[in-house]
Amino acid sequence: MTIEELNEQQHCGMIHPYTCDRKAEECEVKLDPRDYSKDGILIAMEDGWVCPCGKYKQAFRNEYPFKSQFNKL
């Protein structure tokens, strides 16, 4: 899967997206007032996932096991 495809799947609504651990004070999930359209949904990068706040990263990038289903939509 490409980075673009992973990011599209993060917002497709058919699966639960990868999200941050919500520990960083700068994270969008801790903003007041809370914007519930933002939920710390991770962004796929070449070297793994990153939170929009930039404070949380996952060094791995798993491909969804059912990616072929998305190709049929």
PDB file of N, CA and C in Angstrom:
ATOM      1  N   MET A   1       0.844  -1.187   0.000  1.00  0.00           N
ATOM      2  CA  MET A   1       0.000   0.000   0.000  1.00  0.00           C
ATOM      3  C   MET A   1       0.882   1.240   0.000  1.00  0.00           C
ATOM      4  N   THR A   2       0.385   2.255  -0.633  1.00  0.00           N
ATOM      5  CA  THR A   2       1.118   3.519  -0.652  1.00  0.00           C
ATOM      6  C   THR A   2       0.757   4.339   0.586  1.00  0.00           C
ATOM      7  N   ILE A   3       1.561   5.347   0.861  1.00  0.00           N
ATOM      8  CA  ILE A   3       1.287   6.267   1.965  1.00  0.00           C
ATOM      9  C   ILE A   3      -0.070   6.931   1.747  1.00  0.00           C
ATOM     10  N   GLU A   4      -0.337   7.337   0.530  1.00  0.00           N
ATOM     11  CA  GLU A   4      -1.618   7.984   0.214  1.00  0.00           C
ATOM     12  C   GLU A   4      -2.794   7.047   0.500  1.00  0.00           C
ATOM     13  N   GLU A   5      -2.683   5.786   0.130  1.00  0.00           N
ATOM     14  CA  GLU A   5      -3.755   4.812   0.378  1.00  0.00           C
ATOM     15  C   GLU A   5      -3.976   4.588   1.874  1.00  0.00           C
ATOM     16  N   LEU A   6      -2.880   4.506   2.634  1.00  0.00           N
ATOM     17  CA  LEU A   6      -3.013   4.339   4.082  1.00  0.00           C
ATOM     18  C   LEU A   6      -3.732   5.532   4.701  1.00  0.00           C
ATOM     19  N   ASN A   7      -3.386   6.743   4.268  1.00  0.00           N
ATOM     20  CA  ASN A   7      -4.046   7.932   4.808  1.00  0.00           C
ATOM     21  C   ASN A   7      -5.515   8.005   4.394  1.00  0.00           C
ATOM     22  N   GLU A   8      -5.839   7.571   3.196  1.00  0.00           N
ATOM     23  CA  GLU A   8      -7.240   7.521   2.769  1.00  0.00           C
ATOM     24  C   GLU A   8      -8.026   6.549   3.639  1.00  0.00           C
ATOM     25  N   GLN A   9      -7.439   5.398   3.945  1.00  0.00           N
ATOM     26  CA  GLN A   9      -8.131   4.412   4.768  1.00  0.00           C
ATOM     27  C   GLN A   9      -8.314   4.908   6.202  1.00  0.00           C
ATOM     28  N   GLN A  10      -7.424   5.765   6.669  1.00  0.00           N
ATOM     29  CA  GLN A  10      -7.554   6.318   8.011  1.00  0.00           C
ATOM     30  C   GLN A  10      -8.858   7.105   8.160  1.00  0.00           C
ATOM     31  N   HIS A  11      -9.394   7.629   7.056  1.00  0.00           N
ATOM     32  CA  HIS A  11     -10.588   8.475   7.098  1.00  0.00           C
ATOM     33  C   HIS A  11     -11.772   7.887   6.333  1.00  0.00           C
ATOM     34  N   CYS A  12     -11.696   6.606   5.980  1.00  0.00           N
ATOM     35  CA  CYS A  12     -12.760   6.021   5.152  1.00  0.00           C
ATOM     36  C   CYS A  12     -14.041   5.734   5.925  1.00  0.00           C
ATOM     37  N   GLY A  13     -13.949   5.586   7.248  1.00  0.00           N
ATOM     38  CA  GLY A  13     -15.145   5.316   8.048  1.00  0.00           C
ATOM     39  C   GLY A  13     -15.551   3.858   8.108  1.00  0.00           C
ATOM     40  N   MET A  14     -14.848   2.990   7.397  1.00  0.00           N
ATOM     41  CA  MET A  14     -15.210   1.571   7.399  1.00  0.00           C
ATOM     42  C   MET A  14     -14.421   0.776   8.439  1.00  0.00           C
ATOM     43  N   ILE A  15     -13.343   1.357   8.937  1.00  0.00           N
ATOM     44  CA  ILE A  15     -12.524   0.703   9.948  1.00  0.00           C
ATOM     45  C   ILE A  15     -12.142   1.732  11.003  1.00  0.00           C
ATOM     46  N   HIS A  16     -11.762   1.251  12.168  1.00  0.00           N
ATOM     47  CA  HIS A  16     -11.289   2.166  13.200  1.00  0.00           C
ATOM     48  C   HIS A  16      -9.862   2.565  12.842  1.00  0.00           C
ATOM     49  N   PRO A  17      -9.577   3.855  12.760  1.00  0.00           N
ATOM     50  CA  PRO A  17      -8.235   4.290  12.380  1.00  0.00           C
ATOM     51  C   PRO A  17      -7.231   4.120  13.513  1.00  0.00           C
ATOM     52  N   TYR A  18      -5.960   4.092  13.153  1.00  0.00           N
ATOM     53  CA  TYR A  18      -4.899   4.150  14.157  1.00  0.00           C
ATOM     54  C   TYR A  18      -4.954   5.532  14.788  1.00  0.00           C
ATOM     55  N   THR A  19      -4.851   5.595  16.117  1.00  0.00           N
ATOM     56  CA  THR A  19      -4.905   6.873  16.823  1.00  0.00           C
ATOM     57  C   THR A  19      -3.737   6.991  17.795  1.00  0.00           C
ATOM     58  N   CYS A  20      -3.484   8.218  18.247  1.00  0.00           N
ATOM     59  CA  CYS A  20      -2.385   8.470  19.170  1.00  0.00           C
ATOM     60  C   CYS A  20      -2.723   7.963  20.568  1.00  0.00           C
ATOM     61  N   ASP A  21      -1.724   8.003  21.452  1.00  0.00           N
ATOM     62  CA  ASP A  21      -1.940   7.544  22.823  1.00  0.00           C
ATOM     63  C   ASP A  21      -2.526   8.636  23.719  1.00  0.00           C
ATOM     64  N   ARG A  22      -2.669   9.836  23.198  1.00  0.00           N
ATOM     65  CA  ARG A  22      -3.335  10.963  23.862  1.00  0.00           C
ATOM     66  C   ARG A  22      -2.634  11.429  25.132  1.00  0.00           C
ATOM     67  N   LYS A  23      -1.340  11.211  25.222  1.00  0.00           N
ATOM     68  CA  LYS A  23      -0.600  11.622  26.408  1.00  0.00           C
ATOM     69  C   LYS A  23      -0.012  13.026  26.293  1.00  0.00           C
ATOM     70  N   ALA A  24       0.300  13.469  25.084  1.00  0.00           N
ATOM     71  CA  ALA A  24       0.912  14.781  24.896  1.00  0.00           C
ATOM     72  C   ALA A  24      -0.102  15.899  25.149  1.00  0.00           C
ATOM     73  N   GLU A  25       0.290  16.889  25.907  1.00  0.00           N
ATOM     74  CA  GLU A  25      -0.606  18.018  26.197  1.00  0.00           C
ATOM     75  C   GLU A  25      -0.971  18.790  24.933  1.00  0.00           C
ATOM     76  N   GLU A  26      -0.108  18.760  23.925  1.00  0.00           N
ATOM     77  CA  GLU A  26      -0.356  19.473  22.667  1.00  0.00           C
ATOM     78  C   GLU A  26      -1.292  18.729  21.728  1.00  0.00           C
ATOM     79  N   CYS A  27      -1.661  17.513  22.087  1.00  0.00           N
ATOM     80  CA  CYS A  27      -2.487  16.696  21.195  1.00  0.00           C
ATOM     81  C   CYS A  27      -3.850  17.343  20.967  1.00  0.00           C
ATOM     82  N   GLU A  28      -4.346  17.205  19.757  1.00  0.00           N
ATOM     83  CA  GLU A  28      -5.632  17.817  19.393  1.00  0.00           C
ATOM     84  C   GLU A  28      -6.802  17.267  20.189  1.00  0.00           C
ATOM     85  N   VAL A  29      -6.669  16.083  20.756  1.00  0.00           N
ATOM     86  CA  VAL A  29      -7.768  15.525  21.550  1.00  0.00           C
ATOM     87  C   VAL A  29      -7.885  16.214  22.904  1.00  0.00           C
ATOM     88  N   LYS A  30      -6.903  17.015  23.286  1.00  0.00           N
ATOM     89  CA  LYS A  30      -6.933  17.705  24.577  1.00  0.00           C
ATOM     90  C   LYS A  30      -7.237  19.198  24.441  1.00  0.00           C
ATOM     91  N   LEU A  31      -7.539  19.641  23.236  1.00  0.00           N
ATOM     92  CA  LEU A  31      -7.857  21.055  23.037  1.00  0.00           C
ATOM     93  C   LEU A  31      -9.177  21.400  23.708  1.00  0.00           C
ATOM     94  N   ASP A  32      -9.272  22.601  24.174  1.00  0.00           N
ATOM     95  CA  ASP A  32     -10.500  23.063  24.826  1.00  0.00           C
ATOM     96  C   ASP A  32     -10.964  24.335  24.121  1.00  0.00           C
ATOM     97  N   PRO A  33     -12.137  24.385  23.538  1.00  0.00           N
ATOM     98  CA  PRO A  33     -13.143  23.317  23.512  1.00  0.00           C
ATOM     99  C   PRO A  33     -12.733  22.197  22.562  1.00  0.00           C
ATOM    100  N   ARG A  34     -13.187  21.027  22.863  1.00  0.00           N
ATOM    101  CA  ARG A  34     -12.838  19.834  22.100  1.00  0.00           C
ATOM    102  C   ARG A  34     -13.516  19.855  20.745  1.00  0.00           C
ATOM    103  N   ASP A  35     -12.732  19.604  19.714  1.00  0.00           N
ATOM    104  CA  ASP A  35     -13.241  19.462  18.351  1.00  0.00           C
ATOM    105  C   ASP A  35     -13.349  17.968  18.073  1.00  0.00           C
ATOM    106  N   TYR A  36     -14.554  17.438  18.160  1.00  0.00           N
ATOM    107  CA  TYR A  36     -14.738  15.999  18.035  1.00  0.00           C
ATOM    108  C   TYR A  36     -14.537  15.477  16.614  1.00  0.00           C
ATOM    109  N   SER A  37     -14.364  16.365  15.640  1.00  0.00           N
ATOM    110  CA  SER A  37     -14.029  15.896  14.301  1.00  0.00           C
ATOM    111  C   SER A  37     -12.553  15.520  14.229  1.00  0.00           C
ATOM    112  N   LYS A  38     -11.789  15.924  15.228  1.00  0.00           N
ATOM    113  CA  LYS A  38     -10.379  15.566  15.317  1.00  0.00           C
ATOM    114  C   LYS A  38     -10.241  14.585  16.469  1.00  0.00           C
ATOM    115  N   ASP A  39      -9.535  13.517  16.235  1.00  0.00           N
ATOM    116  CA  ASP A  39      -9.461  12.499  17.278  1.00  0.00           C
ATOM    117  C   ASP A  39      -8.084  11.855  17.346  1.00  0.00           C
ATOM    118  N   GLY A  40      -7.042  12.624  17.066  1.00  0.00           N
ATOM    119  CA  GLY A  40      -5.695  12.068  17.132  1.00  0.00           C
ATOM    120  C   GLY A  40      -5.456  10.986  16.103  1.00  0.00           C
ATOM    121  N   ILE A  41      -6.128  11.089  14.958  1.00  0.00           N
ATOM    122  CA  ILE A  41      -5.957  10.090  13.906  1.00  0.00           C
ATOM    123  C   ILE A  41      -4.561  10.235  13.315  1.00  0.00           C
ATOM    124  N   LEU A  42      -3.810   9.129  13.374  1.00  0.00           N
ATOM    125  CA  LEU A  42      -2.427   9.160  12.927  1.00  0.00           C
ATOM    126  C   LEU A  42      -2.311   9.344  11.421  1.00  0.00           C
ATOM    127  N   ILE A  43      -1.215   9.966  11.032  1.00  0.00           N
ATOM    128  CA  ILE A  43      -0.914  10.243   9.630  1.00  0.00           C
ATOM    129  C   ILE A  43       0.210   9.304   9.202  1.00  0.00           C
ATOM    130  N   ALA A  44       0.022   8.611   8.086  1.00  0.00           N
ATOM    131  CA  ALA A  44       1.046   7.710   7.573  1.00  0.00           C
ATOM    132  C   ALA A  44       2.169   8.519   6.929  1.00  0.00           C
ATOM    133  N   MET A  45       3.392   8.169   7.303  1.00  0.00           N
ATOM    134  CA  MET A  45       4.591   8.785   6.744  1.00  0.00           C
ATOM    135  C   MET A  45       5.494   7.660   6.246  1.00  0.00           C
ATOM    136  N   GLU A  46       6.567   7.981   5.566  1.00  0.00           N
ATOM    137  CA  GLU A  46       7.479   6.956   5.065  1.00  0.00           C
ATOM    138  C   GLU A  46       8.059   6.098   6.192  1.00  0.00           C
ATOM    139  N   ASP A  47       8.281   6.691   7.360  1.00  0.00           N
ATOM    140  CA  ASP A  47       8.918   5.957   8.451  1.00  0.00           C
ATOM    141  C   ASP A  47       7.941   5.503   9.531  1.00  0.00           C
ATOM    142  N   GLY A  48       6.639   5.564   9.278  1.00  0.00           N
ATOM    143  CA  GLY A  48       5.638   5.096  10.231  1.00  0.00           C
ATOM    144  C   GLY A  48       4.514   6.095  10.425  1.00  0.00           C
ATOM    145  N   TRP A  49       3.796   5.942  11.521  1.00  0.00           N
ATOM    146  CA  TRP A  49       2.651   6.796  11.842  1.00  0.00           C
ATOM    147  C   TRP A  49       3.082   7.949  12.738  1.00  0.00           C
ATOM    148  N   VAL A  50       2.406   9.103  12.607  1.00  0.00           N
ATOM    149  CA  VAL A  50       2.657  10.252  13.476  1.00  0.00           C
ATOM    150  C   VAL A  50       1.327  10.938  13.795  1.00  0.00           C
ATOM    151  N   CYS A  51       1.202  11.411  15.045  1.00  0.00           N
ATOM    152  CA  CYS A  51       0.014  12.156  15.463  1.00  0.00           C
ATOM    153  C   CYS A  51       0.064  13.552  14.838  1.00  0.00           C
ATOM    154  N   PRO A  52      -1.082  14.162  14.569  1.00  0.00           N
ATOM    155  CA  PRO A  52      -1.085  15.526  14.034  1.00  0.00           C
ATOM    156  C   PRO A  52      -0.300  16.520  14.906  1.00  0.00           C
ATOM    157  N   CYS A  53      -0.222  16.282  16.230  1.00  0.00           N
ATOM    158  CA  CYS A  53       0.546  17.184  17.096  1.00  0.00           C
ATOM    159  C   CYS A  53       2.043  16.962  16.945  1.00  0.00           C
ATOM    160  N   GLY A  54       2.440  15.827  16.365  1.00  0.00           N
ATOM    161  CA  GLY A  54       3.845  15.524  16.153  1.00  0.00           C
ATOM    162  C   GLY A  54       4.555  14.929  17.355  1.00  0.00           C
ATOM    163  N   LYS A  55       3.878  14.783  18.470  1.00  0.00           N
ATOM    164  CA  LYS A  55       4.507  14.292  19.696  1.00  0.00           C
ATOM    165  C   LYS A  55       4.467  12.769  19.832  1.00  0.00           C
ATOM    166  N   TYR A  56       3.550  12.123  19.152  1.00  0.00           N
ATOM    167  CA  TYR A  56       3.424  10.671  19.249  1.00  0.00           C
ATOM    168  C   TYR A  56       3.735  10.050  17.895  1.00  0.00           C
ATOM    169  N   LYS A  57       4.585   9.010  17.924  1.00  0.00           N
ATOM    170  CA  LYS A  57       4.947   8.323  16.680  1.00  0.00           C
ATOM    171  C   LYS A  57       4.949   6.823  16.908  1.00  0.00           C
ATOM    172  N   GLN A  58       4.603   6.107  15.862  1.00  0.00           N
ATOM    173  CA  GLN A  58       4.742   4.653  15.845  1.00  0.00           C
ATOM    174  C   GLN A  58       5.699   4.334  14.715  1.00  0.00           C
ATOM    175  N   ALA A  59       6.740   3.607  15.014  1.00  0.00           N
ATOM    176  CA  ALA A  59       7.790   3.350  14.041  1.00  0.00           C
ATOM    177  C   ALA A  59       7.401   2.312  12.986  1.00  0.00           C
ATOM    178  N   PHE A  60       6.274   1.663  13.147  1.00  0.00           N
ATOM    179  CA  PHE A  60       5.873   0.657  12.175  1.00  0.00           C
ATOM    180  C   PHE A  60       4.606   1.097  11.455  1.00  0.00           C
ATOM    181  N   ARG A  61       4.389   0.490  10.302  1.00  0.00           N
ATOM    182  CA  ARG A  61       3.207   0.803   9.509  1.00  0.00           C
ATOM    183  C   ARG A  61       2.592  -0.517   9.068  1.00  0.00           C
ATOM    184  N   ASN A  62       1.551  -0.936   9.747  1.00  0.00           N
ATOM    185  CA  ASN A  62       0.855  -2.174   9.382  1.00  0.00           C
ATOM    186  C   ASN A  62      -0.094  -1.919   8.231  1.00  0.00           C
ATOM    187  N   GLU A  63      -0.118  -2.851   7.312  1.00  0.00           N
ATOM    188  CA  GLU A  63      -1.121  -2.762   6.260  1.00  0.00           C
ATOM    189  C   GLU A  63      -2.367  -3.464   6.754  1.00  0.00           C
ATOM    190  N   TYR A  64      -3.514  -2.928   6.410  1.00  0.00           N
ATOM    191  CA  TYR A  64      -4.762  -3.545   6.829  1.00  0.00           C
ATOM    192  C   TYR A  64      -4.884  -4.906   6.159  1.00  0.00           C
ATOM    193  N   PRO A  65      -5.273  -5.911   6.905  1.00  0.00           N
ATOM    194  CA  PRO A  65      -5.322  -7.261   6.344  1.00  0.00           C
ATOM    195  C   PRO A  65      -6.370  -7.435   5.253  1.00  0.00           C
ATOM    196  N   PHE A  66      -7.287  -6.510   5.157  1.00  0.00           N
ATOM    197  CA  PHE A  66      -8.349  -6.658   4.167  1.00  0.00           C
ATOM    198  C   PHE A  66      -8.296  -5.536   3.136  1.00  0.00           C
ATOM    199  N   LYS A  67      -7.107  -5.081   2.798  1.00  0.00           N
ATOM    200  CA  LYS A  67      -6.977  -3.967   1.867  1.00  0.00           C
ATOM    201  C   LYS A  67      -7.617  -4.276   0.516  1.00  0.00           C
ATOM    202  N   SER A  68      -7.646  -5.550   0.111  1.00  0.00           N
ATOM    203  CA  SER A  68      -8.235  -5.892  -1.174  1.00  0.00           C
ATOM    204  C   SER A  68      -9.715  -5.545  -1.225  1.00  0.00           C
ATOM    205  N   GLN A  69     -10.392  -5.554  -0.067  1.00  0.00           N
ATOM    206  CA  GLN A  69     -11.795  -5.174  -0.031  1.00  0.00           C
ATOM    207  C   GLN A  69     -11.969  -3.707  -0.403  1.00  0.00           C
ATOM    208  N   PHE A  70     -11.030  -2.866   0.002  1.00  0.00           N
ATOM    209  CA  PHE A  70     -11.131  -1.449  -0.314  1.00  0.00           C
ATOM    210  C   PHE A  70     -10.904  -1.191  -1.797  1.00  0.00           C
ATOM    211  N   ASN A  71     -10.101  -2.025  -2.431  1.00  0.00           N
ATOM    212  CA  ASN A  71      -9.854  -1.847  -3.850  1.00  0.00           C
ATOM    213  C   ASN A  71     -11.119  -2.108  -4.666  1.00  0.00           C
ATOM    214  N   LYS A  72     -12.086  -2.804  -4.083  1.00  0.00           N
ATOM    215  CA  LYS A  72     -13.317  -3.137  -4.805  1.00  0.00           C
ATOM    216  C   LYS A  72     -14.394  -2.065  -4.622  1.00  0.00           C
ATOM    217  N   LEU A  73     -14.186  -1.119  -3.711  1.00  0.00           N
ATOM    218  CA  LEU A  73     -15.208  -0.106  -3.447  1.00  0.00           C
ATOM    219  C   LEU A  73     -15.247   0.944  -4.527  1.00  0.00           C
TER     220      LEU A  73
END
